[in-house]
Protein backbone atom coordinates (compact mmCIF):
# COMPACT_ATOMS: atom_id res chain seq x y z
CA MET A 1 55.87 69.69 -48.54
CA ALA A 2 57.76 68.53 -51.51
CA SER A 3 58.65 65.13 -50.14
CA SER A 4 56.12 62.54 -49.29
CA PRO A 5 55.94 61.56 -45.65
CA SER A 6 56.52 57.88 -44.60
CA PRO A 7 53.44 55.83 -44.30
CA GLU A 8 53.77 56.02 -40.52
CA ALA A 9 53.89 59.69 -40.40
CA GLY A 10 50.62 61.37 -39.39
CA ARG A 11 48.90 58.14 -38.63
CA ALA A 12 47.15 58.08 -35.38
CA ALA A 13 48.10 55.18 -33.02
CA ASP A 14 44.55 53.68 -33.40
CA ALA A 15 44.38 54.18 -37.18
CA PRO A 16 43.81 51.06 -39.25
CA VAL A 17 46.89 49.57 -40.80
CA PRO A 18 46.72 49.39 -44.57
CA ALA A 19 46.92 45.83 -45.99
CA ASP A 20 50.40 46.58 -47.55
CA ASP A 21 52.01 47.70 -44.28
CA SER A 22 53.55 44.97 -42.20
CA ALA A 23 53.09 41.30 -41.36
CA ALA A 24 50.58 42.29 -38.70
CA ALA A 25 48.34 43.46 -41.58
CA GLY A 26 48.44 39.93 -43.15
CA HIS A 27 45.69 37.54 -43.35
CA PRO A 28 44.27 36.59 -39.90
CA ASP A 29 44.61 32.88 -39.19
CA ARG A 30 41.14 32.59 -37.54
CA PHE A 31 37.65 33.82 -38.13
CA GLU A 32 37.64 35.42 -34.71
CA SER A 33 40.80 37.38 -35.54
CA ALA A 34 39.21 38.79 -38.66
CA LEU A 35 36.00 39.61 -36.95
CA SER A 36 37.69 41.38 -34.13
CA GLU A 37 39.84 43.46 -36.48
CA LEU A 38 36.71 44.25 -38.54
CA GLU A 39 34.83 45.51 -35.46
CA GLY A 40 37.85 47.74 -34.51
CA ILE A 41 37.99 49.28 -38.03
CA VAL A 42 34.21 49.93 -38.06
CA GLN A 43 34.44 51.72 -34.72
CA GLN A 44 37.25 53.92 -36.11
CA MET A 45 35.26 54.66 -39.27
CA GLU A 46 32.12 55.47 -37.36
CA GLY A 47 34.10 57.81 -35.11
CA GLY A 48 34.68 59.99 -38.11
CA ALA A 49 38.34 60.88 -37.19
CA LEU A 50 39.94 59.13 -40.13
CA SER A 51 41.30 61.10 -42.97
CA LEU A 52 40.17 60.35 -46.47
CA GLU A 53 43.37 58.37 -47.19
CA GLN A 54 42.93 56.45 -43.84
CA SER A 55 39.34 55.76 -44.67
CA LEU A 56 40.32 54.28 -48.06
CA ALA A 57 42.96 52.08 -46.48
CA ALA A 58 40.43 50.90 -43.83
CA TYR A 59 37.86 50.19 -46.54
CA ARG A 60 40.47 48.17 -48.47
CA ARG A 61 41.42 46.18 -45.30
CA VAL A 62 37.69 45.56 -44.57
CA ALA A 63 37.14 44.09 -47.96
CA GLU A 64 40.09 41.82 -47.43
CA LEU A 65 38.90 40.76 -43.92
CA VAL A 66 35.36 40.09 -45.29
CA GLY A 67 36.89 37.77 -47.88
CA VAL A 68 38.91 35.94 -45.14
CA ALA A 69 35.84 35.64 -42.89
CA ARG A 70 33.64 34.32 -45.76
CA LYS A 71 36.25 31.70 -46.71
CA ALA A 72 36.58 30.58 -43.01
CA LEU A 73 32.75 30.31 -42.82
CA ALA A 74 32.56 28.31 -46.12
CA ASP A 75 35.30 25.99 -44.77
CA VAL A 76 33.44 25.35 -41.57
CA GLU A 77 30.19 24.86 -43.32
CA GLN A 78 31.87 22.16 -45.51
CA GLN A 79 33.27 20.42 -42.47
CA VAL A 80 29.82 20.44 -40.92
CA ARG A 81 28.33 18.88 -44.13
CA ILE A 82 30.97 16.25 -43.98
CA LEU A 83 30.36 15.45 -40.30
CA GLU A 84 26.58 15.31 -40.85
CA ALA A 85 26.89 12.98 -43.75
CA ASP A 86 29.13 10.55 -41.81
CA VAL A 87 27.76 10.88 -38.26
CA LEU A 88 24.38 12.43 -37.93
CA LYS A 89 21.43 10.66 -39.20
CA PRO A 90 17.71 11.60 -38.96
CA PHE A 91 16.21 10.49 -35.60
CA ASP A 92 13.75 7.68 -35.83
CA ALA A 93 11.75 7.18 -32.61
CA GLY A 94 10.78 3.62 -33.74
CA GLN A 95 14.45 2.60 -33.90
CA ALA A 96 15.09 3.91 -30.37
CA ASP A 97 12.29 1.61 -29.00
CA GLU A 98 13.69 -1.49 -30.72
CA GLY A 99 17.10 -1.47 -29.00
């Protein structure tokens, strides 16, 4: 085989899509999307049917998705901190009896 096959050649239908493939491999817009994709990739990797190249592409994608998930969690944690500072106050049983 002198010529290199296209990225799509030889890829199983359920093989992970490398991060550089299509718009579908872009950043998920939600934490749940990233988590769902992560779970699918883990199942594929645990199945042991991926080639070395597919495993490497899957690992790269996992690293990217973990970063997306971490950022989403950090954003939500910050929003919770803001809400807690503005809305939630420690409960004081004495104040509840005065009203």
